[in-house]
Amino acid sequence: MSLSATGDPVFLQDDTQVSVGIDLRPGTLTLTRNGEDFAVHHALVEFASADGDPWAAQEVTFSAKGRDGKPVGITVDLLNDSWDGPRTGVPEAVWKVVALAATSAGDVGITYVPPGRA
């Protein structure tokens, strides 16, 4: 195969959304929903910025398996209902996953500070 390219790709800070996926070591995170435990193996965190505002994590979708071994997706909204701050009651472990994803997102110009750490 022959391949060539021209130009120098540049990430635009004007982008309004970036999704960052991270693989998690099996057995390190369990989410409990309605009394049922789910073993998480992947997370996809969506970061958003509008009109040059600071980047915020808006949601994280976890890929997991239940006790029966069937795959399930669990989405956690991270912004409050007025979209101006973090949602209360989100477990600390979820924010740690967001911080891990933000480390990777820094490679594309996102600066993110977890809630309560500003």
N, C-alpha and C. Protein backbone atom coordinates (compact mmCIF):
# COMPACT_ATOMS: atom_id res chain seq x y z
N MET A 1 0.85 -1.18 0.00
CA MET A 1 0.00 0.00 0.00
C MET A 1 0.89 1.23 0.00
N SER A 2 0.55 2.18 -0.82
CA SER A 2 1.26 3.45 -0.88
C SER A 2 0.40 4.51 -0.21
N LEU A 3 1.01 5.31 0.66
CA LEU A 3 0.27 6.33 1.40
C LEU A 3 1.06 7.62 1.42
N SER A 4 0.38 8.73 1.23
CA SER A 4 1.03 10.03 1.35
C SER A 4 0.05 10.98 2.02
N ALA A 5 0.59 12.07 2.56
CA ALA A 5 -0.25 13.06 3.23
C ALA A 5 0.39 14.42 3.09
N THR A 6 -0.44 15.44 3.13
CA THR A 6 0.05 16.82 3.13
C THR A 6 -0.64 17.57 4.24
N GLY A 7 -0.05 18.64 4.67
CA GLY A 7 -0.66 19.47 5.70
C GLY A 7 -0.20 19.09 7.09
N ASP A 8 -0.67 19.83 8.06
CA ASP A 8 -0.32 19.63 9.46
C ASP A 8 -1.60 19.72 10.27
N PRO A 9 -2.21 18.59 10.66
CA PRO A 9 -3.50 18.62 11.36
C PRO A 9 -3.41 19.41 12.67
N VAL A 10 -4.41 20.21 12.90
CA VAL A 10 -4.47 21.02 14.11
C VAL A 10 -5.83 20.81 14.76
N PHE A 11 -5.82 20.55 16.05
CA PHE A 11 -7.05 20.41 16.83
C PHE A 11 -7.59 21.80 17.13
N LEU A 12 -8.86 22.04 16.89
CA LEU A 12 -9.46 23.34 17.13
C LEU A 12 -10.07 23.41 18.51
N GLN A 13 -9.72 24.43 19.29
CA GLN A 13 -10.34 24.65 20.59
C GLN A 13 -11.81 25.02 20.43
N ASP A 14 -12.22 25.36 19.21
CA ASP A 14 -13.61 25.72 18.98
C ASP A 14 -14.52 24.50 18.95
N ASP A 15 -13.92 23.30 18.89
CA ASP A 15 -14.74 22.10 18.92
C ASP A 15 -15.59 22.12 20.19
N THR A 16 -16.82 21.70 20.07
CA THR A 16 -17.72 21.78 21.22
C THR A 16 -17.85 20.46 21.97
N GLN A 17 -17.27 19.39 21.43
CA GLN A 17 -17.40 18.11 22.13
C GLN A 17 -16.24 17.19 21.78
N VAL A 18 -15.73 16.53 22.78
CA VAL A 18 -14.68 15.53 22.60
C VAL A 18 -15.03 14.34 23.47
N SER A 19 -14.96 13.14 22.90
CA SER A 19 -15.21 11.91 23.66
C SER A 19 -13.88 11.18 23.84
N VAL A 20 -13.63 10.74 25.06
CA VAL A 20 -12.40 10.03 25.37
C VAL A 20 -12.77 8.69 26.00
N GLY A 21 -12.28 7.62 25.39
CA GLY A 21 -12.53 6.28 25.92
C GLY A 21 -11.33 5.76 26.67
N ILE A 22 -11.58 5.07 27.76
CA ILE A 22 -10.49 4.44 28.51
C ILE A 22 -10.91 3.02 28.90
N ASP A 23 -9.95 2.11 28.81
CA ASP A 23 -10.17 0.74 29.26
C ASP A 23 -9.80 0.66 30.73
N LEU A 24 -10.61 -0.03 31.51
CA LEU A 24 -10.38 -0.19 32.94
C LEU A 24 -10.02 -1.63 33.23
N ARG A 25 -9.11 -1.82 34.15
CA ARG A 25 -8.72 -3.18 34.54
C ARG A 25 -9.94 -3.87 35.15
N PRO A 26 -10.28 -5.05 34.64
CA PRO A 26 -11.44 -5.77 35.19
C PRO A 26 -11.32 -5.96 36.70
N GLY A 27 -12.43 -5.77 37.38
CA GLY A 27 -12.46 -5.95 38.84
C GLY A 27 -12.11 -4.72 39.64
N THR A 28 -11.73 -3.62 38.96
CA THR A 28 -11.34 -2.42 39.71
C THR A 28 -12.50 -1.47 39.97
N LEU A 29 -13.59 -1.60 39.22
CA LEU A 29 -14.74 -0.72 39.42
C LEU A 29 -16.03 -1.51 39.25
N THR A 30 -16.88 -1.42 40.25
CA THR A 30 -18.19 -2.04 40.20
C THR A 30 -19.23 -0.95 40.41
N LEU A 31 -20.18 -0.87 39.51
CA LEU A 31 -21.30 0.06 39.66
C LEU A 31 -22.51 -0.74 40.13
N THR A 32 -23.25 -0.16 41.04
CA THR A 32 -24.47 -0.79 41.54
C THR A 32 -25.65 0.07 41.13
N ARG A 33 -26.59 -0.56 40.41
CA ARG A 33 -27.79 0.14 39.96
C ARG A 33 -28.99 -0.69 40.37
N ASN A 34 -29.87 -0.07 41.15
CA ASN A 34 -31.08 -0.76 41.62
C ASN A 34 -30.75 -2.07 42.31
N GLY A 35 -29.66 -2.08 43.09
CA GLY A 35 -29.28 -3.25 43.85
C GLY A 35 -28.51 -4.30 43.08
N GLU A 36 -28.30 -4.10 41.79
CA GLU A 36 -27.57 -5.07 40.96
C GLU A 36 -26.17 -4.54 40.65
N ASP A 37 -25.15 -5.40 40.81
CA ASP A 37 -23.76 -5.02 40.58
C ASP A 37 -23.35 -5.28 39.14
N PHE A 38 -22.54 -4.36 38.60
CA PHE A 38 -22.03 -4.47 37.24
C PHE A 38 -20.53 -4.23 37.26
N ALA A 39 -19.78 -5.15 36.66
CA ALA A 39 -18.32 -5.03 36.56
C ALA A 39 -17.98 -4.20 35.32
N VAL A 40 -17.37 -3.05 35.54
CA VAL A 40 -17.06 -2.12 34.46
C VAL A 40 -15.73 -2.48 33.81
N HIS A 41 -15.69 -2.40 32.47
CA HIS A 41 -14.43 -2.66 31.76
C HIS A 41 -14.05 -1.53 30.81
N HIS A 42 -14.95 -0.59 30.53
CA HIS A 42 -14.63 0.52 29.62
C HIS A 42 -15.49 1.72 30.00
N ALA A 43 -14.93 2.91 29.80
CA ALA A 43 -15.68 4.15 30.02
C ALA A 43 -15.46 5.07 28.83
N LEU A 44 -16.51 5.77 28.42
CA LEU A 44 -16.44 6.78 27.37
C LEU A 44 -16.94 8.08 27.98
N VAL A 45 -16.03 9.04 28.15
CA VAL A 45 -16.36 10.30 28.80
C VAL A 45 -16.51 11.38 27.73
N GLU A 46 -17.63 12.10 27.77
CA GLU A 46 -17.87 13.21 26.85
C GLU A 46 -17.57 14.52 27.55
N PHE A 47 -16.66 15.28 26.96
CA PHE A 47 -16.34 16.62 27.43
C PHE A 47 -16.95 17.61 26.45
N ALA A 48 -17.43 18.74 26.97
CA ALA A 48 -18.04 19.74 26.10
C ALA A 48 -17.58 21.13 26.50
N SER A 49 -17.56 22.01 25.51
CA SER A 49 -17.24 23.42 25.74
C SER A 49 -18.03 24.22 24.72
N ALA A 50 -18.72 25.22 25.19
CA ALA A 50 -19.51 26.06 24.29
C ALA A 50 -18.99 27.49 24.32
N ASP A 51 -18.82 28.06 23.17
CA ASP A 51 -18.44 29.47 23.05
C ASP A 51 -17.18 29.81 23.83
N GLY A 52 -16.21 28.91 23.85
CA GLY A 52 -14.96 29.19 24.53
C GLY A 52 -15.01 29.04 26.04
N ASP A 53 -16.13 28.56 26.57
CA ASP A 53 -16.23 28.33 28.01
C ASP A 53 -15.27 27.21 28.41
N PRO A 54 -14.95 27.10 29.70
CA PRO A 54 -14.08 26.00 30.14
C PRO A 54 -14.73 24.65 29.80
N TRP A 55 -13.87 23.65 29.57
CA TRP A 55 -14.35 22.32 29.29
C TRP A 55 -15.00 21.72 30.52
N ALA A 56 -16.07 20.97 30.32
CA ALA A 56 -16.76 20.28 31.40
C ALA A 56 -17.06 18.86 30.96
N ALA A 57 -17.00 17.94 31.89
CA ALA A 57 -17.40 16.57 31.61
C ALA A 57 -18.92 16.53 31.71
N GLN A 58 -19.58 16.14 30.61
CA GLN A 58 -21.04 16.18 30.64
C GLN A 58 -21.68 14.82 30.90
N GLU A 59 -21.03 13.74 30.46
CA GLU A 59 -21.55 12.43 30.78
C GLU A 59 -20.47 11.38 30.58
N VAL A 60 -20.66 10.26 31.26
CA VAL A 60 -19.77 9.11 31.07
C VAL A 60 -20.65 7.88 30.86
N THR A 61 -20.30 7.11 29.84
CA THR A 61 -21.02 5.88 29.55
C THR A 61 -20.08 4.72 29.85
N PHE A 62 -20.53 3.84 30.72
CA PHE A 62 -19.73 2.68 31.12
C PHE A 62 -20.21 1.45 30.37
N SER A 63 -19.27 0.66 29.90
CA SER A 63 -19.57 -0.66 29.37
C SER A 63 -19.24 -1.65 30.48
N ALA A 64 -20.20 -2.50 30.79
CA ALA A 64 -20.03 -3.39 31.95
C ALA A 64 -20.73 -4.71 31.67
N LYS A 65 -20.54 -5.64 32.62
CA LYS A 65 -21.23 -6.92 32.58
C LYS A 65 -21.89 -7.15 33.93
N GLY A 66 -23.10 -7.70 33.88
CA GLY A 66 -23.81 -8.06 35.11
C GLY A 66 -23.37 -9.43 35.59
N ARG A 67 -23.97 -9.88 36.67
CA ARG A 67 -23.65 -11.21 37.21
C ARG A 67 -23.92 -12.32 36.20
N ASP A 68 -24.89 -12.08 35.33
CA ASP A 68 -25.23 -13.09 34.32
C ASP A 68 -24.27 -13.08 33.13
N GLY A 69 -23.32 -12.15 33.14
CA GLY A 69 -22.33 -12.07 32.07
C GLY A 69 -22.78 -11.28 30.85
N LYS A 70 -24.02 -10.83 30.86
CA LYS A 70 -24.53 -10.07 29.72
C LYS A 70 -24.01 -8.64 29.76
N PRO A 71 -23.64 -8.09 28.59
CA PRO A 71 -23.14 -6.71 28.54
C PRO A 71 -24.26 -5.71 28.77
N VAL A 72 -23.90 -4.59 29.37
CA VAL A 72 -24.85 -3.52 29.65
C VAL A 72 -24.12 -2.19 29.55
N GLY A 73 -24.82 -1.16 29.14
CA GLY A 73 -24.28 0.19 29.12
C GLY A 73 -24.97 1.00 30.20
N ILE A 74 -24.18 1.75 30.96
CA ILE A 74 -24.73 2.59 32.02
C ILE A 74 -24.22 4.00 31.79
N THR A 75 -25.14 4.95 31.59
CA THR A 75 -24.76 6.34 31.35
C THR A 75 -25.05 7.17 32.59
N VAL A 76 -24.06 7.97 32.99
CA VAL A 76 -24.18 8.84 34.16
C VAL A 76 -24.08 10.28 33.69
N ASP A 77 -25.15 11.06 33.90
CA ASP A 77 -25.11 12.50 33.60
C ASP A 77 -24.28 13.19 34.66
N LEU A 78 -23.32 13.99 34.24
CA LEU A 78 -22.41 14.62 35.19
C LEU A 78 -22.73 16.09 35.46
N LEU A 79 -23.54 16.70 34.60
CA LEU A 79 -23.92 18.10 34.82
C LEU A 79 -25.30 18.18 35.46
N ASN A 80 -25.48 19.18 36.30
CA ASN A 80 -26.78 19.34 36.95
C ASN A 80 -27.84 19.72 35.92
N ASP A 81 -29.08 19.79 36.35
CA ASP A 81 -30.19 20.02 35.42
C ASP A 81 -30.13 21.38 34.73
N SER A 82 -29.44 22.36 35.33
CA SER A 82 -29.32 23.67 34.69
C SER A 82 -28.04 23.79 33.87
N TRP A 83 -27.26 22.71 33.78
CA TRP A 83 -26.04 22.62 32.96
C TRP A 83 -24.98 23.64 33.35
N ASP A 84 -24.98 24.08 34.61
CA ASP A 84 -23.98 25.09 35.01
C ASP A 84 -23.03 24.60 36.10
N GLY A 85 -23.05 23.32 36.39
CA GLY A 85 -22.16 22.78 37.41
C GLY A 85 -22.32 21.28 37.53
N PRO A 86 -21.50 20.67 38.37
CA PRO A 86 -21.56 19.22 38.51
C PRO A 86 -22.83 18.75 39.21
N ARG A 87 -23.29 17.58 38.82
CA ARG A 87 -24.46 16.96 39.46
C ARG A 87 -24.06 16.45 40.84
N THR A 88 -24.88 16.70 41.82
CA THR A 88 -24.61 16.19 43.16
C THR A 88 -24.95 14.72 43.22
N GLY A 89 -24.28 14.01 44.10
CA GLY A 89 -24.58 12.60 44.31
C GLY A 89 -23.84 11.65 43.39
N VAL A 90 -22.98 12.16 42.50
CA VAL A 90 -22.20 11.28 41.64
C VAL A 90 -21.07 10.69 42.49
N PRO A 91 -20.92 9.37 42.50
CA PRO A 91 -19.89 8.75 43.34
C PRO A 91 -18.48 9.23 42.98
N GLU A 92 -17.63 9.32 44.00
CA GLU A 92 -16.25 9.77 43.83
C GLU A 92 -15.50 8.92 42.79
N ALA A 93 -15.77 7.62 42.76
CA ALA A 93 -15.08 6.74 41.80
C ALA A 93 -15.39 7.14 40.36
N VAL A 94 -16.59 7.63 40.10
CA VAL A 94 -16.94 8.08 38.75
C VAL A 94 -16.11 9.31 38.38
N TRP A 95 -15.95 10.24 39.34
CA TRP A 95 -15.12 11.43 39.07
C TRP A 95 -13.66 11.03 38.85
N LYS A 96 -13.20 9.97 39.49
CA LYS A 96 -11.83 9.49 39.25
C LYS A 96 -11.68 8.98 37.82
N VAL A 97 -12.70 8.30 37.31
CA VAL A 97 -12.68 7.85 35.92
C VAL A 97 -12.63 9.06 34.98
N VAL A 98 -13.41 10.08 35.30
CA VAL A 98 -13.42 11.30 34.49
C VAL A 98 -12.03 11.95 34.49
N ALA A 99 -11.40 11.98 35.66
CA ALA A 99 -10.06 12.57 35.75
C ALA A 99 -9.05 11.76 34.93
N LEU A 100 -9.17 10.44 34.93
CA LEU A 100 -8.30 9.61 34.10
C LEU A 100 -8.49 9.92 32.61
N ALA A 101 -9.74 10.06 32.21
CA ALA A 101 -10.02 10.39 30.80
C ALA A 101 -9.50 11.78 30.47
N ALA A 102 -9.60 12.71 31.42
CA ALA A 102 -9.13 14.07 31.19
C ALA A 102 -7.63 14.11 30.97
N THR A 103 -6.91 13.19 31.59
CA THR A 103 -5.46 13.12 31.36
C THR A 103 -5.19 12.84 29.89
N SER A 104 -5.93 11.93 29.31
CA SER A 104 -5.79 11.65 27.88
C SER A 104 -6.30 12.82 27.05
N ALA A 105 -7.36 13.46 27.51
CA ALA A 105 -7.93 14.59 26.77
C ALA A 105 -6.96 15.77 26.73
N GLY A 106 -6.06 15.86 27.70
CA GLY A 106 -5.08 16.94 27.70
C GLY A 106 -4.23 16.91 26.45
N ASP A 107 -4.09 15.74 25.86
CA ASP A 107 -3.32 15.63 24.62
C ASP A 107 -3.96 16.39 23.47
N VAL A 108 -5.25 16.66 23.56
CA VAL A 108 -5.92 17.41 22.50
C VAL A 108 -6.34 18.81 22.97
N GLY A 109 -5.75 19.28 24.04
CA GLY A 109 -5.95 20.66 24.45
C GLY A 109 -7.02 20.92 25.48
N ILE A 110 -7.58 19.87 26.09
CA ILE A 110 -8.60 20.08 27.11
C ILE A 110 -7.94 20.27 28.47
N THR A 111 -8.33 21.31 29.15
CA THR A 111 -7.90 21.50 30.53
C THR A 111 -9.12 21.29 31.41
N TYR A 112 -9.01 20.36 32.35
CA TYR A 112 -10.18 19.98 33.14
C TYR A 112 -9.78 19.85 34.59
N VAL A 113 -10.59 20.38 35.49
CA VAL A 113 -10.37 20.25 36.92
C VAL A 113 -11.61 19.60 37.51
N PRO A 114 -11.44 18.46 38.22
CA PRO A 114 -12.60 17.81 38.81
C PRO A 114 -13.33 18.73 39.80
N PRO A 115 -14.63 18.56 39.97
CA PRO A 115 -15.39 19.39 40.91
C PRO A 115 -14.77 19.37 42.30
N GLY A 116 -14.76 20.53 42.95
CA GLY A 116 -14.23 20.63 44.30
C GLY A 116 -12.72 20.74 44.38
N ARG A 117 -12.04 20.77 43.23
CA ARG A 117 -10.59 20.82 43.24
C ARG A 117 -10.06 22.08 42.55
N ALA A 118 -10.94 22.99 42.20
CA ALA A 118 -10.54 24.21 41.48
C ALA A 118 -9.73 25.14 42.34
